[in-house]
């Protein structure tokens, strides 16, 4: 199947919002999505963007049954490791179900790896739900390492009331 991977533009934010919700439904957490295309536009296309995004696009002749030509995305941002230096973090990688097994996911993850190496990033990091065996198998087949199993790292988060309470402790 023909497709292209390209940098997202502000007008892609509605399609990315749609796919974020599709991914959240797949991950069994649709109630967690609180963002809209307006925040995506603001946060990704301002003078100092909080994230970057690549999209996968198919020709009109191969659009989805719902009429979509933007069929996948990868959303990422830069981080910094005090041990390694520049890093890239992949927040989401998603391909619509009807377009899987066609090389789009592989092209998206390879494209973000290329961006990272061009920016001299030392590693590409991301999280995968423990029950998501298809994704785990896909990433492992490409050479990813499971840091939870290998090094014992745990992913932790402060949010909501806990984040506010912690911020109130700042001098």
N, C-alpha and C. Protein backbone atom coordinates (compact mmCIF):
# COMPACT_ATOMS: atom_id res chain seq x y z
N UNK A 1 0.84 -1.18 0.00
CA UNK A 1 0.00 0.00 0.00
C UNK A 1 0.88 1.24 0.00
N UNK A 2 0.50 2.22 -0.78
CA UNK A 2 1.21 3.49 -0.81
C UNK A 2 0.80 4.34 0.39
N UNK A 3 1.78 4.97 1.02
CA UNK A 3 1.54 5.92 2.09
C UNK A 3 2.76 6.81 2.22
N UNK A 4 2.57 7.95 2.86
CA UNK A 4 3.70 8.82 3.16
C UNK A 4 3.71 9.12 4.65
N UNK A 5 4.90 9.37 5.16
CA UNK A 5 5.08 9.84 6.52
C UNK A 5 5.55 11.29 6.39
N UNK A 6 4.88 12.19 7.08
CA UNK A 6 5.25 13.60 6.99
C UNK A 6 5.03 14.27 8.33
N UNK A 7 5.65 15.44 8.49
CA UNK A 7 5.44 16.23 9.70
C UNK A 7 3.99 16.69 9.74
N UNK A 8 3.41 16.60 10.91
CA UNK A 8 2.03 17.07 11.09
C UNK A 8 1.99 18.59 10.93
N UNK A 9 0.83 19.05 10.49
CA UNK A 9 0.55 20.48 10.35
C UNK A 9 -0.65 20.80 11.26
N UNK A 10 -0.86 22.08 11.56
CA UNK A 10 -1.98 22.42 12.44
C UNK A 10 -3.32 21.83 11.97
N UNK A 11 -3.53 21.79 10.67
CA UNK A 11 -4.80 21.26 10.16
C UNK A 11 -4.95 19.75 10.37
N UNK A 12 -3.88 19.07 10.78
CA UNK A 12 -3.94 17.63 11.08
C UNK A 12 -4.44 17.36 12.50
N UNK A 13 -4.55 18.38 13.32
CA UNK A 13 -4.85 18.17 14.73
C UNK A 13 -6.21 17.50 14.97
N UNK A 14 -7.19 17.76 14.12
CA UNK A 14 -8.49 17.08 14.29
C UNK A 14 -8.34 15.58 14.04
N UNK A 15 -7.56 15.22 13.03
CA UNK A 15 -7.33 13.80 12.75
C UNK A 15 -6.52 13.15 13.87
N UNK A 16 -5.54 13.86 14.38
CA UNK A 16 -4.74 13.33 15.49
C UNK A 16 -5.61 13.18 16.73
N UNK A 17 -6.47 14.15 17.01
CA UNK A 17 -7.40 14.05 18.13
C UNK A 17 -8.27 12.79 17.99
N UNK A 18 -8.79 12.56 16.79
CA UNK A 18 -9.61 11.38 16.54
C UNK A 18 -8.83 10.11 16.84
N UNK A 19 -7.59 10.04 16.37
CA UNK A 19 -6.79 8.83 16.57
C UNK A 19 -6.34 8.68 18.02
N UNK A 20 -6.12 9.80 18.74
CA UNK A 20 -5.81 9.71 20.17
C UNK A 20 -6.97 9.02 20.88
N UNK A 21 -8.19 9.38 20.54
CA UNK A 21 -9.35 8.74 21.17
C UNK A 21 -9.44 7.26 20.78
N UNK A 22 -9.17 6.95 19.52
CA UNK A 22 -9.18 5.54 19.09
C UNK A 22 -8.15 4.74 19.89
N UNK A 23 -6.96 5.32 20.08
CA UNK A 23 -5.92 4.64 20.86
C UNK A 23 -6.37 4.49 22.31
N UNK A 24 -6.97 5.52 22.88
CA UNK A 24 -7.43 5.45 24.26
C UNK A 24 -8.50 4.36 24.44
N UNK A 25 -9.38 4.22 23.46
CA UNK A 25 -10.38 3.16 23.50
C UNK A 25 -9.68 1.80 23.47
N UNK A 26 -8.71 1.64 22.57
CA UNK A 26 -7.94 0.39 22.48
C UNK A 26 -7.24 0.10 23.81
N UNK A 27 -6.70 1.14 24.44
CA UNK A 27 -5.97 0.96 25.70
C UNK A 27 -6.91 0.90 26.91
N UNK A 28 -8.22 0.90 26.66
CA UNK A 28 -9.25 0.75 27.69
C UNK A 28 -9.28 1.93 28.66
N UNK A 29 -8.96 3.13 28.16
CA UNK A 29 -8.95 4.32 29.02
C UNK A 29 -9.52 5.55 28.30
N UNK A 30 -10.65 5.42 27.60
CA UNK A 30 -11.15 6.59 26.87
C UNK A 30 -11.53 7.75 27.77
N UNK A 31 -11.90 7.47 29.02
CA UNK A 31 -12.28 8.53 29.94
C UNK A 31 -11.09 9.39 30.39
N UNK A 32 -9.86 8.94 30.09
CA UNK A 32 -8.67 9.68 30.48
C UNK A 32 -8.34 10.82 29.51
N UNK A 33 -8.90 10.79 28.30
CA UNK A 33 -8.58 11.80 27.30
C UNK A 33 -9.32 13.10 27.63
N UNK A 34 -8.55 14.15 27.84
CA UNK A 34 -9.12 15.45 28.19
C UNK A 34 -8.69 16.54 27.21
N UNK A 35 -8.00 16.18 26.15
CA UNK A 35 -7.42 17.15 25.23
C UNK A 35 -8.27 17.24 23.96
N UNK A 36 -8.24 18.39 23.34
CA UNK A 36 -8.95 18.58 22.07
C UNK A 36 -7.96 19.04 21.01
N UNK A 37 -8.45 19.13 19.79
CA UNK A 37 -7.59 19.59 18.71
C UNK A 37 -7.09 21.01 18.94
N UNK A 38 -7.84 21.79 19.70
CA UNK A 38 -7.41 23.17 19.98
C UNK A 38 -6.15 23.18 20.84
N UNK A 39 -6.11 22.34 21.87
CA UNK A 39 -4.90 22.24 22.69
C UNK A 39 -3.75 21.64 21.88
N UNK A 40 -4.07 20.67 21.04
CA UNK A 40 -3.03 20.09 20.20
C UNK A 40 -2.41 21.15 19.29
N UNK A 41 -3.25 22.00 18.71
CA UNK A 41 -2.75 23.08 17.85
C UNK A 41 -1.88 24.04 18.66
N UNK A 42 -2.39 24.46 19.80
CA UNK A 42 -1.65 25.41 20.64
C UNK A 42 -0.31 24.83 21.09
N UNK A 43 -0.34 23.58 21.58
CA UNK A 43 0.84 23.01 22.20
C UNK A 43 1.86 22.45 21.22
N UNK A 44 1.42 22.14 20.01
CA UNK A 44 2.36 21.57 19.04
C UNK A 44 2.85 22.54 17.98
N UNK A 45 2.18 23.68 17.87
CA UNK A 45 2.51 24.58 16.75
C UNK A 45 2.74 26.01 17.21
N UNK A 46 3.14 26.18 18.46
CA UNK A 46 3.48 27.50 18.98
C UNK A 46 4.97 27.77 18.74
N UNK A 47 5.44 28.90 19.19
CA UNK A 47 6.85 29.25 19.01
C UNK A 47 7.76 28.25 19.72
N UNK A 48 7.33 27.75 20.87
CA UNK A 48 8.08 26.74 21.63
C UNK A 48 7.20 25.52 21.84
N UNK A 49 7.11 24.65 20.84
CA UNK A 49 6.17 23.52 20.93
C UNK A 49 6.52 22.54 22.05
N UNK A 50 5.47 22.02 22.67
CA UNK A 50 5.64 21.02 23.72
C UNK A 50 5.81 19.62 23.13
N UNK A 51 5.41 19.42 21.90
CA UNK A 51 5.53 18.12 21.26
C UNK A 51 5.71 18.32 19.76
N UNK A 52 6.07 17.21 19.10
CA UNK A 52 6.16 17.15 17.64
C UNK A 52 5.37 15.92 17.20
N UNK A 53 4.99 15.89 15.95
CA UNK A 53 4.15 14.80 15.49
C UNK A 53 4.42 14.51 14.02
N UNK A 54 4.44 13.25 13.68
CA UNK A 54 4.47 12.80 12.29
C UNK A 54 3.16 12.07 12.03
N UNK A 55 2.66 12.19 10.82
CA UNK A 55 1.44 11.47 10.46
C UNK A 55 1.70 10.57 9.27
N UNK A 56 0.90 9.51 9.19
CA UNK A 56 0.90 8.62 8.03
C UNK A 56 -0.34 8.92 7.22
N UNK A 57 -0.13 9.13 5.94
CA UNK A 57 -1.23 9.52 5.06
C UNK A 57 -1.27 8.59 3.86
N UNK A 58 -2.48 8.15 3.52
CA UNK A 58 -2.68 7.30 2.35
C UNK A 58 -3.36 8.12 1.26
N UNK A 59 -3.20 7.70 0.00
CA UNK A 59 -3.89 8.41 -1.08
C UNK A 59 -5.41 8.31 -0.91
N UNK A 60 -6.10 9.26 -1.48
CA UNK A 60 -7.57 9.30 -1.44
C UNK A 60 -8.18 7.97 -1.87
N UNK A 61 -7.57 7.30 -2.84
CA UNK A 61 -8.09 6.03 -3.35
C UNK A 61 -8.05 4.92 -2.29
N UNK A 62 -7.23 5.09 -1.25
CA UNK A 62 -7.10 4.07 -0.20
C UNK A 62 -7.66 4.53 1.13
N UNK A 63 -8.45 5.60 1.13
CA UNK A 63 -8.98 6.14 2.39
C UNK A 63 -9.78 5.08 3.15
N UNK A 64 -9.95 5.33 4.44
CA UNK A 64 -10.70 4.40 5.28
C UNK A 64 -12.17 4.41 4.90
N UNK A 65 -12.92 3.45 5.40
CA UNK A 65 -14.35 3.39 5.11
C UNK A 65 -15.08 4.63 5.64
N UNK A 66 -14.47 5.28 6.66
CA UNK A 66 -15.05 6.51 7.21
C UNK A 66 -14.59 7.74 6.43
N UNK A 67 -13.71 7.56 5.45
CA UNK A 67 -13.24 8.67 4.62
C UNK A 67 -11.95 9.32 5.07
N UNK A 68 -11.22 8.68 5.97
CA UNK A 68 -9.98 9.27 6.48
C UNK A 68 -8.78 8.89 5.62
N UNK A 69 -7.94 9.87 5.34
CA UNK A 69 -6.66 9.59 4.66
C UNK A 69 -5.49 9.66 5.62
N UNK A 70 -5.65 10.33 6.76
CA UNK A 70 -4.63 10.31 7.81
C UNK A 70 -4.94 9.11 8.69
N UNK A 71 -4.07 8.10 8.62
CA UNK A 71 -4.39 6.80 9.21
C UNK A 71 -3.46 6.37 10.34
N UNK A 72 -2.49 7.22 10.67
CA UNK A 72 -1.58 6.90 11.76
C UNK A 72 -0.82 8.13 12.20
N UNK A 73 -0.25 8.06 13.37
CA UNK A 73 0.56 9.16 13.87
C UNK A 73 1.56 8.66 14.90
N UNK A 74 2.60 9.43 15.08
CA UNK A 74 3.53 9.24 16.19
C UNK A 74 3.76 10.63 16.79
N UNK A 75 3.53 10.74 18.10
CA UNK A 75 3.70 11.99 18.80
C UNK A 75 4.90 11.84 19.72
N UNK A 76 5.82 12.81 19.68
CA UNK A 76 7.06 12.70 20.45
C UNK A 76 7.51 14.06 20.96
N UNK A 77 8.45 14.01 21.90
CA UNK A 77 9.07 15.23 22.41
C UNK A 77 10.47 14.88 22.89
N UNK A 78 11.26 15.90 23.11
CA UNK A 78 12.64 15.71 23.54
C UNK A 78 12.73 15.75 25.05
N UNK A 79 13.62 14.92 25.59
CA UNK A 79 13.91 14.90 27.01
C UNK A 79 15.43 14.95 27.17
N UNK A 80 15.88 14.87 28.39
CA UNK A 80 17.31 14.91 28.64
C UNK A 80 17.67 13.94 29.75
N UNK A 81 18.68 13.14 29.52
CA UNK A 81 19.16 12.20 30.50
C UNK A 81 20.46 12.73 31.09
N UNK A 82 20.52 12.79 32.41
CA UNK A 82 21.76 13.25 33.04
C UNK A 82 22.88 12.23 32.87
N UNK A 83 22.55 11.02 32.47
CA UNK A 83 23.57 10.01 32.22
C UNK A 83 23.99 9.95 30.77
N UNK A 84 23.06 10.25 29.85
CA UNK A 84 23.32 10.02 28.42
C UNK A 84 23.25 11.29 27.57
N UNK A 85 22.51 12.30 28.00
CA UNK A 85 22.34 13.51 27.21
C UNK A 85 20.99 13.55 26.52
N UNK A 86 20.98 14.00 25.27
CA UNK A 86 19.73 14.18 24.52
C UNK A 86 18.99 12.86 24.31
N UNK A 87 17.67 12.93 24.47
CA UNK A 87 16.81 11.75 24.30
C UNK A 87 15.53 12.19 23.60
N UNK A 88 14.85 11.22 23.05
CA UNK A 88 13.55 11.46 22.43
C UNK A 88 12.56 10.50 23.08
N UNK A 89 11.38 11.01 23.41
CA UNK A 89 10.35 10.20 24.04
C UNK A 89 9.15 10.09 23.11
N UNK A 90 8.76 8.87 22.83
CA UNK A 90 7.60 8.60 21.98
C UNK A 90 6.38 8.44 22.89
N UNK A 91 5.50 9.43 22.86
CA UNK A 91 4.30 9.40 23.70
C UNK A 91 3.27 8.43 23.13
N UNK A 92 3.02 8.51 21.83
CA UNK A 92 2.04 7.64 21.16
C UNK A 92 2.56 7.20 19.81
N UNK A 93 2.24 5.98 19.46
CA UNK A 93 2.35 5.50 18.09
C UNK A 93 1.05 4.76 17.82
N UNK A 94 0.35 5.17 16.77
CA UNK A 94 -0.96 4.56 16.48
C UNK A 94 -1.16 4.45 14.98
N UNK A 95 -1.70 3.31 14.59
CA UNK A 95 -2.14 3.09 13.21
C UNK A 95 -3.56 2.52 13.30
N UNK A 96 -4.45 3.08 12.50
CA UNK A 96 -5.84 2.60 12.49
C UNK A 96 -5.86 1.10 12.17
N UNK A 97 -6.76 0.34 12.80
CA UNK A 97 -6.77 -1.12 12.63
C UNK A 97 -6.77 -1.61 11.18
N UNK A 98 -7.55 -0.99 10.31
CA UNK A 98 -7.61 -1.45 8.92
C UNK A 98 -6.32 -1.22 8.14
N UNK A 99 -5.38 -0.47 8.72
CA UNK A 99 -4.14 -0.13 8.02
C UNK A 99 -2.92 -0.75 8.69
N UNK A 100 -3.14 -1.64 9.64
CA UNK A 100 -2.03 -2.33 10.30
C UNK A 100 -1.52 -3.46 9.40
N UNK A 101 -0.34 -3.92 9.72
CA UNK A 101 0.30 -5.01 8.96
C UNK A 101 0.63 -4.60 7.53
N UNK A 102 0.81 -3.30 7.30
CA UNK A 102 1.13 -2.80 5.96
C UNK A 102 2.41 -1.98 5.96
N UNK A 103 3.13 -2.02 7.08
CA UNK A 103 4.40 -1.30 7.16
C UNK A 103 4.30 0.12 7.67
N UNK A 104 3.09 0.59 7.99
CA UNK A 104 2.93 1.97 8.43
C UNK A 104 3.51 2.16 9.83
N UNK A 105 3.22 1.27 10.75
CA UNK A 105 3.77 1.37 12.11
C UNK A 105 5.28 1.31 12.10
N UNK A 106 5.81 0.39 11.33
CA UNK A 106 7.28 0.28 11.21
C UNK A 106 7.87 1.57 10.65
N UNK A 107 7.21 2.15 9.64
CA UNK A 107 7.70 3.39 9.04
C UNK A 107 7.62 4.55 10.04
N UNK A 108 6.57 4.60 10.85
CA UNK A 108 6.45 5.67 11.84
C UNK A 108 7.54 5.56 12.90
N UNK A 109 7.76 4.36 13.44
CA UNK A 109 8.77 4.22 14.48
C UNK A 109 10.18 4.41 13.89
N UNK A 110 10.40 3.97 12.67
CA UNK A 110 11.70 4.21 12.03
C UNK A 110 11.91 5.70 11.77
N UNK A 111 10.85 6.40 11.43
CA UNK A 111 10.95 7.84 11.17
C UNK A 111 11.28 8.61 12.43
N UNK A 112 10.68 8.23 13.56
CA UNK A 112 11.01 8.93 14.81
C UNK A 112 12.44 8.57 15.23
N UNK A 113 12.87 7.35 14.98
CA UNK A 113 14.26 6.98 15.27
C UNK A 113 15.22 7.81 14.42
N UNK A 114 14.85 8.04 13.17
CA UNK A 114 15.68 8.87 12.30
C UNK A 114 15.75 10.30 12.81
N UNK A 115 14.60 10.86 13.22
CA UNK A 115 14.58 12.20 13.80
C UNK A 115 15.52 12.24 15.01
N UNK A 116 15.40 11.25 15.87
CA UNK A 116 16.23 11.21 17.07
C UNK A 116 17.72 11.13 16.76
N UNK A 117 18.09 10.29 15.82
CA UNK A 117 19.52 10.18 15.49
C UNK A 117 20.01 11.46 14.82
N UNK A 118 19.17 12.09 13.99
CA UNK A 118 19.58 13.36 13.38
C UNK A 118 19.76 14.46 14.42
N UNK A 119 19.03 14.38 15.53
CA UNK A 119 19.15 15.35 16.62
C UNK A 119 20.16 14.90 17.68
N UNK A 120 20.91 13.86 17.36
CA UNK A 120 21.96 13.31 18.24
C UNK A 120 21.40 12.82 19.58
N UNK A 121 20.20 12.27 19.55
CA UNK A 121 19.62 11.69 20.75
C UNK A 121 20.27 10.34 21.02
N UNK A 122 20.44 10.06 22.29
CA UNK A 122 21.11 8.82 22.70
C UNK A 122 20.17 7.64 22.80
N UNK A 123 18.91 7.91 23.01
CA UNK A 123 17.94 6.80 23.01
C UNK A 123 16.53 7.31 22.75
N UNK A 124 15.71 6.37 22.33
CA UNK A 124 14.28 6.57 22.11
C UNK A 124 13.58 5.78 23.20
N UNK A 125 12.79 6.46 24.00
CA UNK A 125 12.13 5.81 25.11
C UNK A 125 10.62 5.94 24.96
N UNK A 126 9.88 4.98 25.53
CA UNK A 126 8.42 4.97 25.45
C UNK A 126 7.88 3.95 26.43
N UNK A 127 6.59 3.98 26.65
CA UNK A 127 5.92 3.04 27.54
C UNK A 127 4.92 2.22 26.75
N UNK A 128 4.73 0.99 27.20
CA UNK A 128 3.73 0.10 26.60
C UNK A 128 3.00 -0.58 27.75
N UNK A 129 1.68 -0.64 27.66
CA UNK A 129 0.90 -1.34 28.68
C UNK A 129 1.31 -2.81 28.74
N UNK A 130 1.36 -3.36 29.94
CA UNK A 130 1.85 -4.73 30.11
C UNK A 130 1.01 -5.78 29.40
N UNK A 131 -0.26 -5.51 29.16
CA UNK A 131 -1.12 -6.48 28.49
C UNK A 131 -1.10 -6.36 26.97
N UNK A 132 -0.45 -5.33 26.44
CA UNK A 132 -0.46 -5.07 25.00
C UNK A 132 0.61 -5.89 24.29
N UNK A 133 0.39 -7.19 24.23
CA UNK A 133 1.37 -8.11 23.66
C UNK A 133 1.70 -7.82 22.20
N UNK A 134 0.73 -7.48 21.34
CA UNK A 134 1.10 -7.18 19.96
C UNK A 134 2.12 -6.04 19.86
N UNK A 135 1.92 -4.98 20.64
CA UNK A 135 2.87 -3.86 20.61
C UNK A 135 4.20 -4.26 21.22
N UNK A 136 4.17 -4.94 22.35
CA UNK A 136 5.42 -5.40 22.97
C UNK A 136 6.21 -6.27 22.01
N UNK A 137 5.54 -7.22 21.38
CA UNK A 137 6.23 -8.09 20.41
C UNK A 137 6.80 -7.30 19.24
N UNK A 138 6.04 -6.32 18.74
CA UNK A 138 6.50 -5.49 17.63
C UNK A 138 7.77 -4.75 18.01
N UNK A 139 7.75 -4.04 19.15
CA UNK A 139 8.93 -3.27 19.55
C UNK A 139 10.12 -4.16 19.87
N UNK A 140 9.87 -5.27 20.53
CA UNK A 140 10.96 -6.19 20.85
C UNK A 140 11.58 -6.76 19.58
N UNK A 141 10.75 -7.01 18.56
CA UNK A 141 11.28 -7.54 17.29
C UNK A 141 12.18 -6.53 16.60
N UNK A 142 12.03 -5.25 16.94
CA UNK A 142 12.86 -4.19 16.35
C UNK A 142 14.09 -3.90 17.20
N UNK A 143 14.22 -4.59 18.34
CA UNK A 143 15.41 -4.41 19.17
C UNK A 143 15.21 -3.61 20.45
N UNK A 144 13.97 -3.27 20.79
CA UNK A 144 13.71 -2.53 22.02
C UNK A 144 14.04 -3.39 23.24
N UNK A 145 14.42 -2.74 24.32
CA UNK A 145 14.71 -3.41 25.58
C UNK A 145 13.62 -3.07 26.59
N UNK A 146 13.20 -4.05 27.36
CA UNK A 146 12.22 -3.82 28.41
C UNK A 146 12.97 -3.42 29.67
N UNK A 147 13.00 -2.12 29.98
CA UNK A 147 13.77 -1.63 31.12
C UNK A 147 13.20 -2.07 32.45
N UNK A 148 11.89 -2.35 32.51
CA UNK A 148 11.32 -2.85 33.75
C UNK A 148 11.93 -4.21 34.07
N UNK A 149 12.01 -5.08 33.08
CA UNK A 149 12.58 -6.41 33.28
C UNK A 149 14.10 -6.35 33.40
N UNK A 150 14.75 -5.52 32.59
CA UNK A 150 16.22 -5.50 32.53
C UNK A 150 16.84 -4.74 33.70
N UNK A 151 16.29 -3.57 34.04
CA UNK A 151 16.92 -2.71 35.04
C UNK A 151 16.05 -2.44 36.26
N UNK A 152 14.77 -2.80 36.20
CA UNK A 152 13.89 -2.62 37.34
C UNK A 152 13.29 -1.24 37.50
N UNK A 153 13.31 -0.43 36.44
CA UNK A 153 12.73 0.91 36.52
C UNK A 153 11.21 0.83 36.60
N UNK A 154 10.63 1.74 37.36
CA UNK A 154 9.18 1.87 37.43
C UNK A 154 8.81 3.27 36.94
N UNK A 155 7.77 3.36 36.17
CA UNK A 155 7.25 4.63 35.69
C UNK A 155 6.28 5.17 36.75
N UNK A 156 6.56 6.36 37.28
CA UNK A 156 5.73 6.95 38.32
C UNK A 156 5.16 8.27 37.83
N UNK A 157 4.10 8.71 38.49
CA UNK A 157 3.44 9.95 38.06
C UNK A 157 2.79 10.65 39.25
N UNK A 158 2.88 11.97 39.27
CA UNK A 158 2.06 12.80 40.13
C UNK A 158 1.03 13.47 39.23
N UNK A 159 -0.24 13.43 39.60
CA UNK A 159 -1.25 14.18 38.85
C UNK A 159 -2.38 14.59 39.77
N UNK A 160 -3.25 15.42 39.26
CA UNK A 160 -4.42 15.85 40.02
C UNK A 160 -4.06 16.45 41.36
N UNK A 161 -4.75 16.01 42.41
CA UNK A 161 -4.56 16.54 43.75
C UNK A 161 -3.13 16.31 44.24
N UNK A 162 -2.57 15.16 43.94
CA UNK A 162 -1.19 14.87 44.39
C UNK A 162 -0.20 15.86 43.80
N UNK A 163 -0.38 16.23 42.53
CA UNK A 163 0.49 17.21 41.89
C UNK A 163 0.32 18.58 42.55
N UNK A 164 -0.91 18.97 42.78
CA UNK A 164 -1.18 20.27 43.40
C UNK A 164 -0.60 20.32 44.82
N UNK A 165 -0.81 19.27 45.59
CA UNK A 165 -0.26 19.23 46.96
C UNK A 165 1.25 19.30 46.95
N UNK A 166 1.89 18.60 46.04
CA UNK A 166 3.34 18.63 45.96
C UNK A 166 3.82 20.02 45.57
N UNK A 167 3.16 20.66 44.62
CA UNK A 167 3.54 22.01 44.20
C UNK A 167 3.41 23.00 45.35
N UNK A 168 2.45 22.79 46.22
CA UNK A 168 2.25 23.69 47.36
C UNK A 168 3.37 23.58 48.39
N UNK A 169 4.17 22.54 48.31
CA UNK A 169 5.29 22.37 49.22
C UNK A 169 6.53 23.12 48.75
N UNK A 170 6.47 23.69 47.54
CA UNK A 170 7.64 24.40 47.01
C UNK A 170 7.87 25.68 47.81
N UNK A 171 9.13 26.03 48.02
CA UNK A 171 9.42 27.26 48.77
C UNK A 171 9.01 28.51 48.01
